[in-house]
């Protein structure tokens, strides 16, 4: 397998991970406190695939022609958008996992209290 093919495979793995992170993001936006087990399993599998494609790229040597540079840039863009989405997911997880205190409603004033307040002014 050539370096260009390895980079294409790596880009596909990056896009798969991005799709999983997008599904996780949608789940968290609905207010889920913890991600579903299915999504976490998909994320682990996508990360394992990403690791294997990255090790393939590291084992390849050679010059970087224009096609390879373009493939590298595509991978980099894909990774960057995945990282941004991951950061948003972390913020959503934090927001959803915080315990919210119930809102306290001010007690309704009595009619006598209101009458005295109006009488003073």
PDB file of N, CA and C in Angstrom:
ATOM      1  N   UNK A   1       0.841  -1.170   0.000  1.00  0.00           N
ATOM      2  CA  UNK A   1       0.000   0.000   0.000  1.00  0.00           C
ATOM      3  C   UNK A   1       0.893   1.243   0.000  1.00  0.00           C
ATOM      4  N   UNK A   2       0.588   2.201  -0.847  1.00  0.00           N
ATOM      5  CA  UNK A   2       1.395   3.407  -0.956  1.00  0.00           C
ATOM      6  C   UNK A   2       1.036   4.393   0.155  1.00  0.00           C
ATOM      7  N   UNK A   3       1.858   5.408   0.276  1.00  0.00           N
ATOM      8  CA  UNK A   3       1.624   6.444   1.280  1.00  0.00           C
ATOM      9  C   UNK A   3       0.320   7.166   0.999  1.00  0.00           C
ATOM     10  N   UNK A   4       0.046   7.428  -0.257  1.00  0.00           N
ATOM     11  CA  UNK A   4      -1.190   8.122  -0.621  1.00  0.00           C
ATOM     12  C   UNK A   4      -2.418   7.286  -0.244  1.00  0.00           C
ATOM     13  N   UNK A   5      -2.351   5.993  -0.470  1.00  0.00           N
ATOM     14  CA  UNK A   5      -3.463   5.115  -0.085  1.00  0.00           C
ATOM     15  C   UNK A   5      -3.619   5.060   1.431  1.00  0.00           C
ATOM     16  N   UNK A   6      -2.504   5.026   2.136  1.00  0.00           N
ATOM     17  CA  UNK A   6      -2.559   5.031   3.601  1.00  0.00           C
ATOM     18  C   UNK A   6      -3.178   6.323   4.118  1.00  0.00           C
ATOM     19  N   UNK A   7      -2.825   7.443   3.482  1.00  0.00           N
ATOM     20  CA  UNK A   7      -3.405   8.722   3.886  1.00  0.00           C
ATOM     21  C   UNK A   7      -4.901   8.774   3.602  1.00  0.00           C
ATOM     22  N   UNK A   8      -5.316   8.210   2.481  1.00  0.00           N
ATOM     23  CA  UNK A   8      -6.742   8.179   2.165  1.00  0.00           C
ATOM     24  C   UNK A   8      -7.495   7.316   3.188  1.00  0.00           C
ATOM     25  N   UNK A   9      -6.913   6.204   3.537  1.00  0.00           N
ATOM     26  CA  UNK A   9      -7.529   5.328   4.546  1.00  0.00           C
ATOM     27  C   UNK A   9      -7.602   6.054   5.891  1.00  0.00           C
ATOM     28  N   UNK A  10      -6.563   6.808   6.218  1.00  0.00           N
ATOM     29  CA  UNK A  10      -6.542   7.576   7.462  1.00  0.00           C
ATOM     30  C   UNK A  10      -7.613   8.667   7.422  1.00  0.00           C
ATOM     31  N   UNK A  11      -7.770   9.322   6.287  1.00  0.00           N
ATOM     32  CA  UNK A  11      -8.800  10.348   6.154  1.00  0.00           C
ATOM     33  C   UNK A  11     -10.192   9.740   6.339  1.00  0.00           C
ATOM     34  N   UNK A  12     -10.406   8.574   5.771  1.00  0.00           N
ATOM     35  CA  UNK A  12     -11.695   7.891   5.948  1.00  0.00           C
ATOM     36  C   UNK A  12     -11.943   7.567   7.418  1.00  0.00           C
ATOM     37  N   UNK A  13     -10.903   7.135   8.125  1.00  0.00           N
ATOM     38  CA  UNK A  13     -11.030   6.844   9.556  1.00  0.00           C
ATOM     39  C   UNK A  13     -11.335   8.122  10.335  1.00  0.00           C
ATOM     40  N   UNK A  14     -10.712   9.235   9.942  1.00  0.00           N
ATOM     41  CA  UNK A  14     -10.989  10.525  10.588  1.00  0.00           C
ATOM     42  C   UNK A  14     -12.444  10.929  10.376  1.00  0.00           C
ATOM     43  N   UNK A  15     -12.944  10.739   9.182  1.00  0.00           N
ATOM     44  CA  UNK A  15     -14.337  11.091   8.884  1.00  0.00           C
ATOM     45  C   UNK A  15     -15.308  10.187   9.643  1.00  0.00           C
ATOM     46  N   UNK A  16     -14.969   8.904   9.775  1.00  0.00           N
ATOM     47  CA  UNK A  16     -15.812   7.995  10.562  1.00  0.00           C
ATOM     48  C   UNK A  16     -15.881   8.463  12.015  1.00  0.00           C
ATOM     49  N   UNK A  17     -14.736   8.830  12.562  1.00  0.00           N
ATOM     50  CA  UNK A  17     -14.699   9.322  13.938  1.00  0.00           C
ATOM     51  C   UNK A  17     -15.509  10.606  14.056  1.00  0.00           C
ATOM     52  N   UNK A  18     -15.421  11.469  13.068  1.00  0.00           N
ATOM     53  CA  UNK A  18     -16.194  12.713  13.093  1.00  0.00           C
ATOM     54  C   UNK A  18     -17.695  12.422  13.110  1.00  0.00           C
ATOM     55  N   UNK A  19     -18.135  11.462  12.312  1.00  0.00           N
ATOM     56  CA  UNK A  19     -19.554  11.112  12.290  1.00  0.00           C
ATOM     57  C   UNK A  19     -20.010  10.571  13.645  1.00  0.00           C
ATOM     58  N   UNK A  20     -19.165   9.773  14.286  1.00  0.00           N
ATOM     59  CA  UNK A  20     -19.509   9.256  15.612  1.00  0.00           C
ATOM     60  C   UNK A  20     -19.603  10.408  16.615  1.00  0.00           C
ATOM     61  N   UNK A  21     -18.645  11.335  16.539  1.00  0.00           N
ATOM     62  CA  UNK A  21     -18.654  12.473  17.454  1.00  0.00           C
ATOM     63  C   UNK A  21     -19.877  13.355  17.193  1.00  0.00           C
ATOM     64  N   UNK A  22     -20.315  13.461  15.951  1.00  0.00           N
ATOM     65  CA  UNK A  22     -21.501  14.228  15.614  1.00  0.00           C
ATOM     66  C   UNK A  22     -22.748  13.580  16.216  1.00  0.00           C
ATOM     67  N   UNK A  23     -22.832  12.263  16.141  1.00  0.00           N
ATOM     68  CA  UNK A  23     -23.952  11.548  16.764  1.00  0.00           C
ATOM     69  C   UNK A  23     -23.939  11.742  18.279  1.00  0.00           C
ATOM     70  N   UNK A  24     -22.761  11.696  18.866  1.00  0.00           N
ATOM     71  CA  UNK A  24     -22.620  11.919  20.300  1.00  0.00           C
ATOM     72  C   UNK A  24     -23.051  13.344  20.652  1.00  0.00           C
ATOM     73  N   UNK A  25     -22.684  14.298  19.815  1.00  0.00           N
ATOM     74  CA  UNK A  25     -23.059  15.688  20.033  1.00  0.00           C
ATOM     75  C   UNK A  25     -24.577  15.849  19.999  1.00  0.00           C
ATOM     76  N   UNK A  26     -25.220  15.220  19.049  1.00  0.00           N
ATOM     77  CA  UNK A  26     -26.689  15.292  18.962  1.00  0.00           C
ATOM     78  C   UNK A  26     -27.327  14.693  20.208  1.00  0.00           C
ATOM     79  N   UNK A  27     -26.771  13.601  20.679  1.00  0.00           N
ATOM     80  CA  UNK A  27     -27.295  12.959  21.878  1.00  0.00           C
ATOM     81  C   UNK A  27     -27.155  13.871  23.093  1.00  0.00           C
ATOM     82  N   UNK A  28     -26.005  14.518  23.204  1.00  0.00           N
ATOM     83  CA  UNK A  28     -25.773  15.402  24.352  1.00  0.00           C
ATOM     84  C   UNK A  28     -26.626  16.660  24.282  1.00  0.00           C
ATOM     85  N   UNK A  29     -26.916  17.124  23.089  1.00  0.00           N
ATOM     86  CA  UNK A  29     -27.742  18.321  22.955  1.00  0.00           C
ATOM     87  C   UNK A  29     -29.184  18.073  23.368  1.00  0.00           C
ATOM     88  N   UNK A  30     -29.600  16.813  23.370  1.00  0.00           N
ATOM     89  CA  UNK A  30     -30.956  16.502  23.813  1.00  0.00           C
ATOM     90  C   UNK A  30     -31.052  16.478  25.328  1.00  0.00           C
ATOM     91  N   UNK A  31     -29.916  16.625  26.013  1.00  0.00           N
ATOM     92  CA  UNK A  31     -29.925  16.694  27.469  1.00  0.00           C
ATOM     93  C   UNK A  31     -29.479  15.417  28.154  1.00  0.00           C
ATOM     94  N   UNK A  32     -28.964  14.462  27.407  1.00  0.00           N
ATOM     95  CA  UNK A  32     -28.497  13.220  28.019  1.00  0.00           C
ATOM     96  C   UNK A  32     -27.323  13.513  28.945  1.00  0.00           C
ATOM     97  N   UNK A  33     -27.362  12.957  30.144  1.00  0.00           N
ATOM     98  CA  UNK A  33     -26.287  13.209  31.102  1.00  0.00           C
ATOM     99  C   UNK A  33     -25.054  12.389  30.773  1.00  0.00           C
ATOM    100  N   UNK A  34     -25.256  11.184  30.266  1.00  0.00           N
ATOM    101  CA  UNK A  34     -24.126  10.342  29.867  1.00  0.00           C
ATOM    102  C   UNK A  34     -24.403   9.795  28.472  1.00  0.00           C
ATOM    103  N   UNK A  35     -23.362   9.616  27.689  1.00  0.00           N
ATOM    104  CA  UNK A  35     -23.555   9.072  26.340  1.00  0.00           C
ATOM    105  C   UNK A  35     -24.034   7.629  26.392  1.00  0.00           C
ATOM    106  N   UNK A  36     -24.730   7.219  25.355  1.00  0.00           N
ATOM    107  CA  UNK A  36     -25.211   5.844  25.266  1.00  0.00           C
ATOM    108  C   UNK A  36     -24.034   4.897  25.072  1.00  0.00           C
ATOM    109  N   UNK A  37     -24.182   3.679  25.556  1.00  0.00           N
ATOM    110  CA  UNK A  37     -23.119   2.677  25.439  1.00  0.00           C
ATOM    111  C   UNK A  37     -22.791   2.361  23.984  1.00  0.00           C
ATOM    112  N   UNK A  38     -23.810   2.371  23.132  1.00  0.00           N
ATOM    113  CA  UNK A  38     -23.586   2.077  21.709  1.00  0.00           C
ATOM    114  C   UNK A  38     -22.672   3.131  21.094  1.00  0.00           C
ATOM    115  N   UNK A  39     -22.933   4.409  21.426  1.00  0.00           N
ATOM    116  CA  UNK A  39     -22.095   5.481  20.892  1.00  0.00           C
ATOM    117  C   UNK A  39     -20.664   5.383  21.411  1.00  0.00           C
ATOM    118  N   UNK A  40     -20.515   5.037  22.677  1.00  0.00           N
ATOM    119  CA  UNK A  40     -19.168   4.897  23.242  1.00  0.00           C
ATOM    120  C   UNK A  40     -18.424   3.737  22.591  1.00  0.00           C
ATOM    121  N   UNK A  41     -19.131   2.647  22.306  1.00  0.00           N
ATOM    122  CA  UNK A  41     -18.488   1.508  21.642  1.00  0.00           C
ATOM    123  C   UNK A  41     -18.078   1.890  20.221  1.00  0.00           C
ATOM    124  N   UNK A  42     -18.941   2.632  19.522  1.00  0.00           N
ATOM    125  CA  UNK A  42     -18.593   3.096  18.172  1.00  0.00           C
ATOM    126  C   UNK A  42     -17.390   4.035  18.211  1.00  0.00           C
ATOM    127  N   UNK A  43     -17.346   4.878  19.240  1.00  0.00           N
ATOM    128  CA  UNK A  43     -16.224   5.807  19.372  1.00  0.00           C
ATOM    129  C   UNK A  43     -14.919   5.049  19.613  1.00  0.00           C
ATOM    130  N   UNK A  44     -14.956   4.049  20.482  1.00  0.00           N
ATOM    131  CA  UNK A  44     -13.748   3.250  20.746  1.00  0.00           C
ATOM    132  C   UNK A  44     -13.270   2.538  19.483  1.00  0.00           C
ATOM    133  N   UNK A  45     -14.212   1.987  18.721  1.00  0.00           N
ATOM    134  CA  UNK A  45     -13.850   1.284  17.485  1.00  0.00           C
ATOM    135  C   UNK A  45     -13.251   2.254  16.471  1.00  0.00           C
ATOM    136  N   UNK A  46     -13.842   3.448  16.361  1.00  0.00           N
ATOM    137  CA  UNK A  46     -13.316   4.442  15.416  1.00  0.00           C
ATOM    138  C   UNK A  46     -11.926   4.909  15.845  1.00  0.00           C
ATOM    139  N   UNK A  47     -11.710   5.066  17.139  1.00  0.00           N
ATOM    140  CA  UNK A  47     -10.388   5.471  17.622  1.00  0.00           C
ATOM    141  C   UNK A  47      -9.353   4.383  17.374  1.00  0.00           C
ATOM    142  N   UNK A  48      -9.742   3.120  17.539  1.00  0.00           N
ATOM    143  CA  UNK A  48      -8.820   2.017  17.269  1.00  0.00           C
ATOM    144  C   UNK A  48      -8.446   1.991  15.783  1.00  0.00           C
ATOM    145  N   UNK A  49      -9.428   2.218  14.928  1.00  0.00           N
ATOM    146  CA  UNK A  49      -9.156   2.270  13.481  1.00  0.00           C
ATOM    147  C   UNK A  49      -8.227   3.429  13.158  1.00  0.00           C
ATOM    148  N   UNK A  50      -8.451   4.559  13.793  1.00  0.00           N
ATOM    149  CA  UNK A  50      -7.609   5.736  13.572  1.00  0.00           C
ATOM    150  C   UNK A  50      -6.174   5.457  13.999  1.00  0.00           C
ATOM    151  N   UNK A  51      -6.005   4.785  15.128  1.00  0.00           N
ATOM    152  CA  UNK A  51      -4.660   4.426  15.590  1.00  0.00           C
ATOM    153  C   UNK A  51      -3.958   3.497  14.609  1.00  0.00           C
ATOM    154  N   UNK A  52      -4.696   2.527  14.078  1.00  0.00           N
ATOM    155  CA  UNK A  52      -4.060   1.583  13.150  1.00  0.00           C
ATOM    156  C   UNK A  52      -3.656   2.275  11.850  1.00  0.00           C
ATOM    157  N   UNK A  53      -4.498   3.180  11.348  1.00  0.00           N
ATOM    158  CA  UNK A  53      -4.131   3.881  10.118  1.00  0.00           C
ATOM    159  C   UNK A  53      -2.969   4.838  10.361  1.00  0.00           C
ATOM    160  N   UNK A  54      -2.914   5.418  11.537  1.00  0.00           N
ATOM    161  CA  UNK A  54      -1.797   6.310  11.865  1.00  0.00           C
ATOM    162  C   UNK A  54      -0.490   5.537  11.943  1.00  0.00           C
ATOM    163  N   UNK A  55      -0.526   4.334  12.499  1.00  0.00           N
ATOM    164  CA  UNK A  55       0.700   3.531  12.553  1.00  0.00           C
ATOM    165  C   UNK A  55       1.139   3.105  11.143  1.00  0.00           C
ATOM    166  N   UNK A  56       0.174   2.862  10.243  1.00  0.00           N
ATOM    167  CA  UNK A  56       0.520   2.563   8.851  1.00  0.00           C
ATOM    168  C   UNK A  56       1.250   3.741   8.207  1.00  0.00           C
ATOM    169  N   UNK A  57       0.751   4.937   8.462  1.00  0.00           N
ATOM    170  CA  UNK A  57       1.383   6.133   7.881  1.00  0.00           C
ATOM    171  C   UNK A  57       2.787   6.315   8.435  1.00  0.00           C
ATOM    172  N   UNK A  58       2.954   6.079   9.705  1.00  0.00           N
ATOM    173  CA  UNK A  58       4.278   6.241  10.322  1.00  0.00           C
ATOM    174  C   UNK A  58       5.292   5.258   9.757  1.00  0.00           C
ATOM    175  N   UNK A  59       4.828   4.091   9.344  1.00  0.00           N
ATOM    176  CA  UNK A  59       5.731   3.083   8.786  1.00  0.00           C
ATOM    177  C   UNK A  59       6.112   3.384   7.341  1.00  0.00           C
ATOM    178  N   UNK A  60       5.394   4.258   6.681  1.00  0.00           N
ATOM    179  CA  UNK A  60       5.683   4.615   5.291  1.00  0.00           C
ATOM    180  C   UNK A  60       6.742   5.707   5.259  1.00  0.00           C
ATOM    181  N   UNK A  61       7.595   5.618   4.292  1.00  0.00           N
ATOM    182  CA  UNK A  61       8.587   6.667   4.071  1.00  0.00           C
ATOM    183  C   UNK A  61       8.537   7.064   2.616  1.00  0.00           C
ATOM    184  N   UNK A  62       9.044   8.201   2.327  1.00  0.00           N
ATOM    185  CA  UNK A  62       9.074   8.642   0.937  1.00  0.00           C
ATOM    186  C   UNK A  62       8.890  10.135   0.853  1.00  0.00           C
ATOM    187  N   UNK A  63       8.987  10.618  -0.362  1.00  0.00           N
ATOM    188  CA  UNK A  63       8.844  12.054  -0.576  1.00  0.00           C
ATOM    189  C   UNK A  63       7.372  12.431  -0.498  1.00  0.00           C
ATOM    190  N   UNK A  64       7.121  13.714  -0.418  1.00  0.00           N
ATOM    191  CA  UNK A  64       5.756  14.204  -0.316  1.00  0.00           C
ATOM    192  C   UNK A  64       5.387  14.973  -1.575  1.00  0.00           C
ATOM    193  N   UNK A  65       4.932  14.287  -2.621  1.00  0.00           N
ATOM    194  CA  UNK A  65       4.507  15.005  -3.815  1.00  0.00           C
ATOM    195  C   UNK A  65       3.234  15.807  -3.528  1.00  0.00           C
ATOM    196  N   UNK A  66       2.825  16.559  -4.499  1.00  0.00           N
ATOM    197  CA  UNK A  66       1.669  17.455  -4.329  1.00  0.00           C
ATOM    198  C   UNK A  66       0.419  16.686  -3.898  1.00  0.00           C
ATOM    199  N   UNK A  67       0.192  15.501  -4.453  1.00  0.00           N
ATOM    200  CA  UNK A  67      -0.991  14.709  -4.092  1.00  0.00           C
ATOM    201  C   UNK A  67      -0.957  14.321  -2.616  1.00  0.00           C
ATOM    202  N   UNK A  68       0.228  13.968  -2.143  1.00  0.00           N
ATOM    203  CA  UNK A  68       0.369  13.581  -0.748  1.00  0.00           C
ATOM    204  C   UNK A  68       0.129  14.770   0.162  1.00  0.00           C
ATOM    205  N   UNK A  69       0.613  15.937  -0.239  1.00  0.00           N
ATOM    206  CA  UNK A  69       0.390  17.144   0.563  1.00  0.00           C
ATOM    207  C   UNK A  69      -1.105  17.455   0.658  1.00  0.00           C
ATOM    208  N   UNK A  70      -1.809  17.310  -0.433  1.00  0.00           N
ATOM    209  CA  UNK A  70      -3.251  17.563  -0.426  1.00  0.00           C
ATOM    210  C   UNK A  70      -3.964  16.575   0.498  1.00  0.00           C
ATOM    211  N   UNK A  71      -3.550  15.320   0.447  1.00  0.00           N
ATOM    212  CA  UNK A  71      -4.152  14.308   1.318  1.00  0.00           C
ATOM    213  C   UNK A  71      -3.856  14.617   2.783  1.00  0.00           C
ATOM    214  N   UNK A  72      -2.649  15.066   3.066  1.00  0.00           N
ATOM    215  CA  UNK A  72      -2.295  15.446   4.434  1.00  0.00           C
ATOM    216  C   UNK A  72      -3.147  16.615   4.922  1.00  0.00           C
ATOM    217  N   UNK A  73      -3.362  17.587   4.059  1.00  0.00           N
ATOM    218  CA  UNK A  73      -4.181  18.735   4.437  1.00  0.00           C
ATOM    219  C   UNK A  73      -5.628  18.334   4.687  1.00  0.00           C
ATOM    220  N   UNK A  74      -6.160  17.411   3.881  1.00  0.00           N
ATOM    221  CA  UNK A  74      -7.520  16.917   4.108  1.00  0.00           C
ATOM    222  C   UNK A  74      -7.618  16.229   5.459  1.00  0.00           C
ATOM    223  N   UNK A  75      -6.618  15.417   5.785  1.00  0.00           N
ATOM    224  CA  UNK A  75      -6.603  14.738   7.081  1.00  0.00           C
ATOM    225  C   UNK A  75      -6.546  15.754   8.216  1.00  0.00           C
ATOM    226  N   UNK A  76      -5.718  16.760   8.038  1.00  0.00           N
ATOM    227  CA  UNK A  76      -5.560  17.780   9.074  1.00  0.00           C
ATOM    228  C   UNK A  76      -6.881  18.533   9.285  1.00  0.00           C
ATOM    229  N   UNK A  77      -7.561  18.910   8.214  1.00  0.00           N
ATOM    230  CA  UNK A  77      -8.849  19.603   8.345  1.00  0.00           C
ATOM    231  C   UNK A  77      -9.876  18.715   9.049  1.00  0.00           C
ATOM    232  N   UNK A  78      -9.884  17.453   8.696  1.00  0.00           N
ATOM    233  CA  UNK A  78     -10.825  16.527   9.309  1.00  0.00           C
ATOM    234  C   UNK A  78     -10.555  16.368  10.803  1.00  0.00           C
ATOM    235  N   UNK A  79      -9.297  16.290  11.157  1.00  0.00           N
ATOM    236  CA  UNK A  79      -8.924  16.157  12.570  1.00  0.00           C
ATOM    237  C   UNK A  79      -9.289  17.423  13.343  1.00  0.00           C
ATOM    238  N   UNK A  80      -9.061  18.577  12.744  1.00  0.00           N
ATOM    239  CA  UNK A  80      -9.364  19.833  13.423  1.00  0.00           C
ATOM    240  C   UNK A  80     -10.862  19.982  13.685  1.00  0.00           C
ATOM    241  N   UNK A  81     -11.698  19.643  12.713  1.00  0.00           N
ATOM    242  CA  UNK A  81     -13.135  19.773  12.945  1.00  0.00           C
ATOM    243  C   UNK A  81     -13.608  18.752  13.988  1.00  0.00           C
ATOM    244  N   UNK A  82     -12.958  17.586  14.034  1.00  0.00           N
ATOM    245  CA  UNK A  82     -13.304  16.594  15.047  1.00  0.00           C
ATOM    246  C   UNK A  82     -12.905  17.088  16.432  1.00  0.00           C
ATOM    247  N   UNK A  83     -11.748  17.717  16.541  1.00  0.00           N
ATOM    248  CA  UNK A  83     -11.307  18.259  17.830  1.00  0.00           C
ATOM    249  C   UNK A  83     -12.239  19.361  18.317  1.00  0.00           C
ATOM    250  N   UNK A  84     -12.685  20.222  17.419  1.00  0.00           N
ATOM    251  CA  UNK A  84     -13.617  21.274  17.813  1.00  0.00           C
ATOM    252  C   UNK A  84     -14.938  20.690  18.304  1.00  0.00           C
ATOM    253  N   UNK A  85     -15.401  19.672  17.613  1.00  0.00           N
ATOM    254  CA  UNK A  85     -16.640  19.018  18.024  1.00  0.00           C
ATOM    255  C   UNK A  85     -16.456  18.305  19.353  1.00  0.00           C
ATOM    256  N   UNK A  86     -15.300  17.709  19.563  1.00  0.00           N
ATOM    257  CA  UNK A  86     -15.017  17.037  20.827  1.00  0.00           C
ATOM    258  C   UNK A  86     -15.015  18.043  21.976  1.00  0.00           C
ATOM    259  N   UNK A  87     -14.483  19.213  21.734  1.00  0.00           N
ATOM    260  CA  UNK A  87     -14.480  20.241  22.780  1.00  0.00           C
ATOM    261  C   UNK A  87     -15.912  20.644  23.124  1.00  0.00           C
ATOM    262  N   UNK A  88     -16.755  20.806  22.108  1.00  0.00           N
ATOM    263  CA  UNK A  88     -18.156  21.136  22.357  1.00  0.00           C
ATOM    264  C   UNK A  88     -18.844  20.012  23.128  1.00  0.00           C
ATOM    265  N   UNK A  89     -18.515  18.762  22.794  1.00  0.00           N
ATOM    266  CA  UNK A  89     -19.095  17.617  23.501  1.00  0.00           C
ATOM    267  C   UNK A  89     -18.688  17.620  24.969  1.00  0.00           C
ATOM    268  N   UNK A  90     -17.430  17.952  25.251  1.00  0.00           N
ATOM    269  CA  UNK A  90     -16.979  18.029  26.640  1.00  0.00           C
ATOM    270  C   UNK A  90     -17.756  19.090  27.402  1.00  0.00           C
ATOM    271  N   UNK A  91     -17.981  20.234  26.780  1.00  0.00           N
ATOM    272  CA  UNK A  91     -18.737  21.296  27.436  1.00  0.00           C
ATOM    273  C   UNK A  91     -20.179  20.875  27.683  1.00  0.00           C
ATOM    274  N   UNK A  92     -20.771  20.183  26.719  1.00  0.00           N
ATOM    275  CA  UNK A  92     -22.138  19.693  26.898  1.00  0.00           C
ATOM    276  C   UNK A  92     -22.209  18.646  28.001  1.00  0.00           C
ATOM    277  N   UNK A  93     -21.215  17.761  28.050  1.00  0.00           N
ATOM    278  CA  UNK A  93     -21.183  16.763  29.123  1.00  0.00           C
ATOM    279  C   UNK A  93     -21.104  17.424  30.485  1.00  0.00           C
ATOM    280  N   UNK A  94     -20.258  18.425  30.599  1.00  0.00           N
ATOM    281  CA  UNK A  94     -20.115  19.138  31.859  1.00  0.00           C
ATOM    282  C   UNK A  94     -21.414  19.835  32.227  1.00  0.00           C
ATOM    283  N   UNK A  95     -22.011  20.496  31.262  1.00  0.00           N
ATOM    284  CA  UNK A  95     -23.272  21.209  31.504  1.00  0.00           C
ATOM    285  C   UNK A  95     -24.382  20.246  31.910  1.00  0.00           C
ATOM    286  N   UNK A  96     -24.474  19.114  31.222  1.00  0.00           N
ATOM    287  CA  UNK A  96     -25.544  18.152  31.509  1.00  0.00           C
ATOM    288  C   UNK A  96     -25.321  17.396  32.814  1.00  0.00           C
ATOM    289  N   UNK A  97     -24.082  17.279  33.246  1.00  0.00           N
ATOM    290  CA  UNK A  97     -23.822  16.500  34.455  1.00  0.00           C
ATOM    291  C   UNK A  97     -23.877  17.336  35.728  1.00  0.00           C
ATOM    292  N   UNK A  98     -23.909  18.650  35.587  1.00  0.00           N
ATOM    293  CA  UNK A  98     -23.986  19.503  36.769  1.00  0.00           C
ATOM    294  C   UNK A  98     -25.368  19.378  37.387  1.00  0.00           C
ATOM    295  N   UNK A  99     -25.395  19.291  38.720  1.00  0.00           N
ATOM    296  CA  UNK A  99     -26.662  19.190  39.432  1.00  0.00           C
ATOM    297  C   UNK A  99     -27.243  20.591  39.536  1.00  0.00           C
ATOM    298  N   UNK A 100     -28.436  20.723  39.053  1.00  0.00           N
ATOM    299  CA  UNK A 100     -29.085  22.028  39.091  1.00  0.00           C
ATOM    300  C   UNK A 100     -30.005  22.094  40.305  1.00  0.00           C
ATOM    301  N   UNK A 101     -29.868  23.169  41.052  1.00  0.00           N
ATOM    302  CA  UNK A 101     -30.749  23.373  42.202  1.00  0.00           C
ATOM    303  C   UNK A 101     -32.116  23.805  41.682  1.00  0.00           C
ATOM    304  N   UNK A 102     -33.165  23.319  42.311  1.00  0.00           N
ATOM    305  CA  UNK A 102     -34.493  23.731  41.852  1.00  0.00           C
ATOM    306  C   UNK A 102     -34.676  25.232  42.058  1.00  0.00           C
ATOM    307  N   UNK A 103     -35.372  25.848  41.132  1.00  0.00           N
ATOM    308  CA  UNK A 103     -35.602  27.278  41.240  1.00  0.00           C
ATOM    309  C   UNK A 103     -36.544  27.563  42.391  1.00  0.00           C
ATOM    310  N   UNK A 104     -36.186  28.577  43.160  1.00  0.00           N
ATOM    311  CA  UNK A 104     -37.033  28.956  44.277  1.00  0.00           C
ATOM    312  C   UNK A 104     -37.956  30.076  43.823  1.00  0.00           C
ATOM    313  N   UNK A 105     -39.206  29.894  44.093  1.00  0.00           N
ATOM    314  CA  UNK A 105     -40.205  30.880  43.730  1.00  0.00           C
ATOM    315  C   UNK A 105     -40.485  31.723  44.957  1.00  0.00           C
ATOM    316  N   UNK A 106     -40.488  33.020  44.770  1.00  0.00           N
ATOM    317  CA  UNK A 106     -40.781  33.913  45.896  1.00  0.00           C
ATOM    318  C   UNK A 106     -42.214  33.686  46.356  1.00  0.00           C
ATOM    319  N   UNK A 107     -42.423  33.696  47.668  1.00  0.00           N
ATOM    320  CA  UNK A 107     -43.790  33.472  48.171  1.00  0.00           C
ATOM    321  C   UNK A 107     -44.708  34.631  47.751  1.00  0.00           C
ATOM    322  N   UNK A 108     -45.936  34.322  47.533  1.00  0.00           N
ATOM    323  CA  UNK A 108     -46.920  35.316  47.117  1.00  0.00           C
ATOM    324  C   UNK A 108     -47.274  36.182  48.325  1.00  0.00           C
ATOM    325  N   UNK A 109     -47.172  37.507  48.168  1.00  0.00           N
ATOM    326  CA  UNK A 109     -47.477  38.369  49.327  1.00  0.00           C
ATOM    327  C   UNK A 109     -48.974  38.336  49.651  1.00  0.00           C
ATOM    328  N   UNK A 110     -49.254  38.514  50.925  1.00  0.00           N
ATOM    329  CA  UNK A 110     -50.655  38.490  51.360  1.00  0.00           C
ATOM    330  C   UNK A 110     -51.320  39.816  51.011  1.00  0.00           C
ATOM    331  N   UNK A 111     -52.632  39.829  51.039  1.00  0.00           N
ATOM    332  CA  UNK A 111     -53.390  41.035  50.690  1.00  0.00           C
ATOM    333  C   UNK A 111     -53.116  42.145  51.704  1.00  0.00           C
ATOM    334  N   UNK A 112     -52.987  41.793  52.997  1.00  0.00           N
ATOM    335  CA  UNK A 112     -52.719  42.805  54.036  1.00  0.00           C
ATOM    336  C   UNK A 112     -51.362  43.458  53.811  1.00  0.00           C
ATOM    337  N   UNK A 113     -50.370  42.672  53.450  1.00  0.00           N
ATOM    338  CA  UNK A 113     -49.028  43.205  53.213  1.00  0.00           C
ATOM    339  C   UNK A 113     -49.045  44.179  52.040  1.00  0.00           C
ATOM    340  N   UNK A 114     -49.760  43.838  50.989  1.00  0.00           N
ATOM    341  CA  UNK A 114     -49.875  44.720  49.840  1.00  0.00           C
ATOM    342  C   UNK A 114     -50.610  46.009  50.187  1.00  0.00           C
ATOM    343  N   UNK A 115     -51.665  45.885  50.976  1.00  0.00           N
ATOM    344  CA  UNK A 115     -52.439  47.075  51.359  1.00  0.00           C
ATOM    345  C   UNK A 115     -51.583  48.024  52.182  1.00  0.00           C
ATOM    346  N   UNK A 116     -50.778  47.497  53.105  1.00  0.00           N
ATOM    347  CA  UNK A 116     -49.890  48.346  53.915  1.00  0.00           C
ATOM    348  C   UNK A 116     -48.826  49.011  53.060  1.00  0.00           C
ATOM    349  N   UNK A 117     -48.281  48.269  52.058  1.00  0.00           N
ATOM    350  CA  UNK A 117     -47.275  48.845  51.186  1.00  0.00           C
ATOM    351  C   UNK A 117     -47.842  49.984  50.364  1.00  0.00           C
ATOM    352  N   UNK A 118     -49.073  49.824  49.867  1.00  0.00           N
ATOM    353  CA  UNK A 118     -49.691  50.877  49.072  1.00  0.00           C
ATOM    354  C   UNK A 118     -50.050  52.071  49.954  1.00  0.00           C
ATOM    355  N   UNK A 119     -50.444  51.823  51.170  1.00  0.00           N
ATOM    356  CA  UNK A 119     -50.815  52.899  52.082  1.00  0.00           C
ATOM    357  C   UNK A 119     -49.620  53.782  52.417  1.00  0.00           C
ATOM    358  N   UNK A 120     -48.437  53.225  52.493  1.00  0.00           N
ATOM    359  CA  UNK A 120     -47.231  54.004  52.811  1.00  0.00           C
ATOM    360  C   UNK A 120     -46.840  54.910  51.673  1.00  0.00           C
ATOM    361  N   UNK A 121     -47.168  54.575  50.459  1.00  0.00           N
ATOM    362  CA  UNK A 121     -46.714  55.373  49.321  1.00  0.00           C
ATOM    363  C   UNK A 121     -47.848  56.101  48.765  1.00  0.00           C
TER     364      UNK A 121
END
